[in-house]
Every structure is written in C-alpha cells, then in structure tokens.
Amino acid sequence: MQAWFEQEAADGFNIMPPSLPAGLDDFSALVVPELQRRGLSRTGYRHATLRGHLGLGA
C-alpha cells in the first residue's frame, strides 16, 4: 500500500474494519502511528475548522 501511494497508483484507501468500534480503535492505535512515523499520514491540522481547510476564512 505504501508503494502504491508513493508511486501515485492510489491517492487514498477506504478502511473497512470487520468489527466496530474495536476495528477502528485498533486501526487508530496501531496503524495510524506507523503511518505517521513513515511520513504517510499527517500528525496535525493547519486549520481548526472545515471552513479553514476549504480556504473559506472565518
């Protein structure tokens, strides 16, 4: 998956855990930190609101 992303063969992935909420908890606790360590996932956000992310101002 990392190679696909880095080679621009994919720009994102849909996560479909087999159980909720445990699957999401496991993903956020185990996978997200590894993606962040590899520089493949952000560690924070520039803006605090959706409007800010979309460049719409306050």
PDB file of N, CA and C in Angstrom:
ATOM      1  N   MET A   1       0.824  -1.187   0.000  1.00  0.00           N
ATOM      2  CA  MET A   1       0.000   0.000   0.000  1.00  0.00           C
ATOM      3  C   MET A   1       0.864   1.245   0.000  1.00  0.00           C
ATOM      4  N   GLN A   2       1.953   1.203   0.747  1.00  0.00           N
ATOM      5  CA  GLN A   2       2.841   2.356   0.768  1.00  0.00           C
ATOM      6  C   GLN A   2       3.438   2.576  -0.615  1.00  0.00           C
ATOM      7  N   ALA A   3       3.854   1.522  -1.287  1.00  0.00           N
ATOM      8  CA  ALA A   3       4.438   1.654  -2.630  1.00  0.00           C
ATOM      9  C   ALA A   3       3.405   2.215  -3.604  1.00  0.00           C
ATOM     10  N   TRP A   4       2.176   1.737  -3.545  1.00  0.00           N
ATOM     11  CA  TRP A   4       1.119   2.258  -4.427  1.00  0.00           C
ATOM     12  C   TRP A   4       0.942   3.759  -4.204  1.00  0.00           C
ATOM     13  N   PHE A   5       0.905   4.161  -2.937  1.00  0.00           N
ATOM     14  CA  PHE A   5       0.724   5.567  -2.606  1.00  0.00           C
ATOM     15  C   PHE A   5       1.898   6.406  -3.112  1.00  0.00           C
ATOM     16  N   GLU A   6       3.119   5.949  -2.855  1.00  0.00           N
ATOM     17  CA  GLU A   6       4.309   6.703  -3.247  1.00  0.00           C
ATOM     18  C   GLU A   6       4.482   6.773  -4.757  1.00  0.00           C
ATOM     19  N   GLN A   7       3.996   5.761  -5.473  1.00  0.00           N
ATOM     20  CA  GLN A   7       4.104   5.742  -6.932  1.00  0.00           C
ATOM     21  C   GLN A   7       2.869   6.353  -7.595  1.00  0.00           C
ATOM     22  N   GLU A   8       2.013   6.984  -6.785  1.00  0.00           N
ATOM     23  CA  GLU A   8       0.797   7.655  -7.246  1.00  0.00           C
ATOM     24  C   GLU A   8      -0.166   6.722  -7.974  1.00  0.00           C
ATOM     25  N   ALA A   9      -0.123   5.439  -7.597  1.00  0.00           N
ATOM     26  CA  ALA A   9      -1.075   4.477  -8.134  1.00  0.00           C
ATOM     27  C   ALA A   9      -2.383   4.537  -7.346  1.00  0.00           C
ATOM     28  N   ALA A  10      -2.343   5.154  -6.175  1.00  0.00           N
ATOM     29  CA  ALA A  10      -3.532   5.330  -5.341  1.00  0.00           C
ATOM     30  C   ALA A  10      -3.354   6.615  -4.559  1.00  0.00           C
ATOM     31  N   ASP A  11      -4.432   7.366  -4.377  1.00  0.00           N
ATOM     32  CA  ASP A  11      -4.319   8.598  -3.606  1.00  0.00           C
ATOM     33  C   ASP A  11      -4.987   8.480  -2.246  1.00  0.00           C
ATOM     34  N   GLY A  12      -5.490   7.303  -1.934  1.00  0.00           N
ATOM     35  CA  GLY A  12      -6.099   7.069  -0.640  1.00  0.00           C
ATOM     36  C   GLY A  12      -6.678   5.676  -0.578  1.00  0.00           C
ATOM     37  N   PHE A  13      -7.109   5.279   0.591  1.00  0.00           N
ATOM     38  CA  PHE A  13      -7.670   3.957   0.803  1.00  0.00           C
ATOM     39  C   PHE A  13      -8.885   4.066   1.701  1.00  0.00           C
ATOM     40  N   ASN A  14      -9.871   3.232   1.456  1.00  0.00           N
ATOM     41  CA  ASN A  14     -11.033   3.146   2.328  1.00  0.00           C
ATOM     42  C   ASN A  14     -10.766   2.072   3.371  1.00  0.00           C
ATOM     43  N   ILE A  15     -10.997   2.412   4.612  1.00  0.00           N
ATOM     44  CA  ILE A  15     -10.783   1.476   5.703  1.00  0.00           C
ATOM     45  C   ILE A  15     -12.135   0.903   6.108  1.00  0.00           C
ATOM     46  N   MET A  16     -12.233  -0.420   6.070  1.00  0.00           N
ATOM     47  CA  MET A  16     -13.485  -1.092   6.421  1.00  0.00           C
ATOM     48  C   MET A  16     -13.188  -2.177   7.462  1.00  0.00           C
ATOM     49  N   PRO A  17     -13.117  -1.795   8.743  1.00  0.00           N
ATOM     50  CA  PRO A  17     -12.810  -2.792   9.768  1.00  0.00           C
ATOM     51  C   PRO A  17     -13.941  -3.808   9.892  1.00  0.00           C
ATOM     52  N   PRO A  18     -13.607  -5.048  10.208  1.00  0.00           N
ATOM     53  CA  PRO A  18     -14.623  -6.095  10.293  1.00  0.00           C
ATOM     54  C   PRO A  18     -15.547  -5.964  11.496  1.00  0.00           C
ATOM     55  N   SER A  19     -15.125  -5.202  12.492  1.00  0.00           N
ATOM     56  CA  SER A  19     -15.982  -5.002  13.664  1.00  0.00           C
ATOM     57  C   SER A  19     -15.864  -3.561  14.127  1.00  0.00           C
ATOM     58  N   LEU A  20     -16.945  -3.043  14.677  1.00  0.00           N
ATOM     59  CA  LEU A  20     -16.976  -1.675  15.189  1.00  0.00           C
ATOM     60  C   LEU A  20     -17.363  -1.707  16.656  1.00  0.00           C
ATOM     61  N   PRO A  21     -16.820  -0.907  17.514  1.00  0.00           N
ATOM     62  CA  PRO A  21     -15.770   0.070  17.259  1.00  0.00           C
ATOM     63  C   PRO A  21     -14.367  -0.500  17.391  1.00  0.00           C
ATOM     64  N   ALA A  22     -14.241  -1.773  17.777  1.00  0.00           N
ATOM     65  CA  ALA A  22     -12.914  -2.347  18.047  1.00  0.00           C
ATOM     66  C   ALA A  22     -11.970  -2.223  16.854  1.00  0.00           C
ATOM     67  N   GLY A  23     -12.479  -2.448  15.651  1.00  0.00           N
ATOM     68  CA  GLY A  23     -11.631  -2.365  14.468  1.00  0.00           C
ATOM     69  C   GLY A  23     -11.075  -0.969  14.254  1.00  0.00           C
ATOM     70  N   LEU A  24     -11.903   0.038  14.475  1.00  0.00           N
ATOM     71  CA  LEU A  24     -11.430   1.419  14.347  1.00  0.00           C
ATOM     72  C   LEU A  24     -10.460   1.777  15.459  1.00  0.00           C
ATOM     73  N   ASP A  25     -10.734   1.279  16.653  1.00  0.00           N
ATOM     74  CA  ASP A  25      -9.822   1.526  17.775  1.00  0.00           C
ATOM     75  C   ASP A  25      -8.451   0.922  17.485  1.00  0.00           C
ATOM     76  N   ASP A  26      -8.431  -0.310  16.982  1.00  0.00           N
ATOM     77  CA  ASP A  26      -7.158  -0.966  16.649  1.00  0.00           C
ATOM     78  C   ASP A  26      -6.437  -0.203  15.550  1.00  0.00           C
ATOM     79  N   PHE A  27      -7.165   0.217  14.528  1.00  0.00           N
ATOM     80  CA  PHE A  27      -6.545   0.946  13.418  1.00  0.00           C
ATOM     81  C   PHE A  27      -5.918   2.238  13.916  1.00  0.00           C
ATOM     82  N   SER A  28      -6.664   2.986  14.711  1.00  0.00           N
ATOM     83  CA  SER A  28      -6.138   4.275  15.182  1.00  0.00           C
ATOM     84  C   SER A  28      -4.995   4.100  16.176  1.00  0.00           C
ATOM     85  N   ALA A  29      -4.996   3.020  16.933  1.00  0.00           N
ATOM     86  CA  ALA A  29      -3.938   2.811  17.922  1.00  0.00           C
ATOM     87  C   ALA A  29      -2.691   2.160  17.333  1.00  0.00           C
ATOM     88  N   LEU A  30      -2.859   1.341  16.286  1.00  0.00           N
ATOM     89  CA  LEU A  30      -1.728   0.569  15.768  1.00  0.00           C
ATOM     90  C   LEU A  30      -1.245   1.012  14.395  1.00  0.00           C
ATOM     91  N   VAL A  31      -2.154   1.310  13.497  1.00  0.00           N
ATOM     92  CA  VAL A  31      -1.775   1.616  12.118  1.00  0.00           C
ATOM     93  C   VAL A  31      -1.443   3.099  11.941  1.00  0.00           C
ATOM     94  N   VAL A  32      -2.280   3.976  12.460  1.00  0.00           N
ATOM     95  CA  VAL A  32      -2.057   5.411  12.259  1.00  0.00           C
ATOM     96  C   VAL A  32      -0.688   5.853  12.782  1.00  0.00           C
ATOM     97  N   PRO A  33      -0.254   5.453  13.976  1.00  0.00           N
ATOM     98  CA  PRO A  33       1.085   5.877  14.419  1.00  0.00           C
ATOM     99  C   PRO A  33       2.202   5.392  13.479  1.00  0.00           C
ATOM    100  N   GLU A  34       2.050   4.208  12.915  1.00  0.00           N
ATOM    101  CA  GLU A  34       3.062   3.714  11.975  1.00  0.00           C
ATOM    102  C   GLU A  34       3.049   4.525  10.687  1.00  0.00           C
ATOM    103  N   LEU A  35       1.872   4.870  10.194  1.00  0.00           N
ATOM    104  CA  LEU A  35       1.787   5.721   9.003  1.00  0.00           C
ATOM    105  C   LEU A  35       2.413   7.087   9.275  1.00  0.00           C
ATOM    106  N   GLN A  36       2.175   7.632  10.448  1.00  0.00           N
ATOM    107  CA  GLN A  36       2.766   8.920  10.809  1.00  0.00           C
ATOM    108  C   GLN A  36       4.280   8.810  10.922  1.00  0.00           C
ATOM    109  N   ARG A  37       4.762   7.727  11.502  1.00  0.00           N
ATOM    110  CA  ARG A  37       6.213   7.521  11.633  1.00  0.00           C
ATOM    111  C   ARG A  37       6.872   7.479  10.257  1.00  0.00           C
ATOM    112  N   ARG A  38       6.175   6.899   9.280  1.00  0.00           N
ATOM    113  CA  ARG A  38       6.707   6.798   7.920  1.00  0.00           C
ATOM    114  C   ARG A  38       6.483   8.065   7.105  1.00  0.00           C
ATOM    115  N   GLY A  39       5.808   9.039   7.690  1.00  0.00           N
ATOM    116  CA  GLY A  39       5.538  10.294   6.984  1.00  0.00           C
ATOM    117  C   GLY A  39       4.428  10.179   5.956  1.00  0.00           C
ATOM    118  N   LEU A  40       3.556   9.188   6.119  1.00  0.00           N
ATOM    119  CA  LEU A  40       2.471   8.953   5.169  1.00  0.00           C
ATOM    120  C   LEU A  40       1.128   9.486   5.646  1.00  0.00           C
ATOM    121  N   SER A  41       1.064   9.927   6.874  1.00  0.00           N
ATOM    122  CA  SER A  41      -0.177  10.468   7.430  1.00  0.00           C
ATOM    123  C   SER A  41       0.163  11.693   8.261  1.00  0.00           C
ATOM    124  N   ARG A  42      -0.679  12.680   8.206  1.00  0.00           N
ATOM    125  CA  ARG A  42      -0.414  13.918   8.953  1.00  0.00           C
ATOM    126  C   ARG A  42      -0.469  13.683  10.455  1.00  0.00           C
ATOM    127  N   THR A  43       0.218  14.534  11.166  1.00  0.00           N
ATOM    128  CA  THR A  43       0.217  14.457  12.625  1.00  0.00           C
ATOM    129  C   THR A  43      -0.607  15.583  13.239  1.00  0.00           C
ATOM    130  N   GLY A  44      -1.073  16.509  12.423  1.00  0.00           N
ATOM    131  CA  GLY A  44      -1.890  17.607  12.897  1.00  0.00           C
ATOM    132  C   GLY A  44      -2.569  18.295  11.725  1.00  0.00           C
ATOM    133  N   TYR A  45      -3.354  19.292  12.031  1.00  0.00           N
ATOM    134  CA  TYR A  45      -4.097  20.036  11.023  1.00  0.00           C
ATOM    135  C   TYR A  45      -3.693  21.505  11.073  1.00  0.00           C
ATOM    136  N   ARG A  46      -3.653  22.164   9.912  1.00  0.00           N
ATOM    137  CA  ARG A  46      -3.309  23.588   9.861  1.00  0.00           C
ATOM    138  C   ARG A  46      -4.445  24.452  10.381  1.00  0.00           C
ATOM    139  N   HIS A  47      -5.675  24.052  10.132  1.00  0.00           N
ATOM    140  CA  HIS A  47      -6.839  24.856  10.499  1.00  0.00           C
ATOM    141  C   HIS A  47      -7.711  24.087  11.487  1.00  0.00           C
ATOM    142  N   ALA A  48      -8.492  24.829  12.250  1.00  0.00           N
ATOM    143  CA  ALA A  48      -9.330  24.214  13.269  1.00  0.00           C
ATOM    144  C   ALA A  48     -10.744  23.911  12.774  1.00  0.00           C
ATOM    145  N   THR A  49     -11.106  24.421  11.584  1.00  0.00           N
ATOM    146  CA  THR A  49     -12.474  24.237  11.105  1.00  0.00           C
ATOM    147  C   THR A  49     -12.477  23.746   9.655  1.00  0.00           C
ATOM    148  N   LEU A  50     -13.595  23.192   9.230  1.00  0.00           N
ATOM    149  CA  LEU A  50     -13.757  22.787   7.833  1.00  0.00           C
ATOM    150  C   LEU A  50     -13.644  23.999   6.921  1.00  0.00           C
ATOM    151  N   ARG A  51     -14.223  25.131   7.336  1.00  0.00           N
ATOM    152  CA  ARG A  51     -14.120  26.359   6.536  1.00  0.00           C
ATOM    153  C   ARG A  51     -12.655  26.720   6.303  1.00  0.00           C
ATOM    154  N   GLY A  52     -11.848  26.589   7.326  1.00  0.00           N
ATOM    155  CA  GLY A  52     -10.437  26.902   7.187  1.00  0.00           C
ATOM    156  C   GLY A  52      -9.739  25.950   6.222  1.00  0.00           C
ATOM    157  N   HIS A  53     -10.063  24.667   6.306  1.00  0.00           N
ATOM    158  CA  HIS A  53      -9.471  23.666   5.411  1.00  0.00           C
ATOM    159  C   HIS A  53      -9.851  23.936   3.963  1.00  0.00           C
ATOM    160  N   LEU A  54     -11.038  24.458   3.748  1.00  0.00           N
ATOM    161  CA  LEU A  54     -11.516  24.742   2.394  1.00  0.00           C
ATOM    162  C   LEU A  54     -11.113  26.117   1.909  1.00  0.00           C
ATOM    163  N   GLY A  55     -10.388  26.862   2.754  1.00  0.00           N
ATOM    164  CA  GLY A  55      -9.926  28.197   2.366  1.00  0.00           C
ATOM    165  C   GLY A  55     -11.018  29.239   2.322  1.00  0.00           C
ATOM    166  N   LEU A  56     -12.054  29.053   3.138  1.00  0.00           N
ATOM    167  CA  LEU A  56     -13.198  29.974   3.145  1.00  0.00           C
ATOM    168  C   LEU A  56     -13.107  31.037   4.210  1.00  0.00           C
ATOM    169  N   GLY A  57     -12.066  31.042   4.999  1.00  0.00           N
ATOM    170  CA  GLY A  57     -11.932  32.055   6.052  1.00  0.00           C
ATOM    171  C   GLY A  57     -12.841  31.798   7.230  1.00  0.00           C
ATOM    172  N   ALA A  58     -12.926  32.789   8.094  1.00  0.00           N
ATOM    173  CA  ALA A  58     -13.703  32.632   9.348  1.00  0.00           C
ATOM    174  C   ALA A  58     -15.174  32.791   9.152  1.00  0.00           C
TER     175      ALA A  58
END
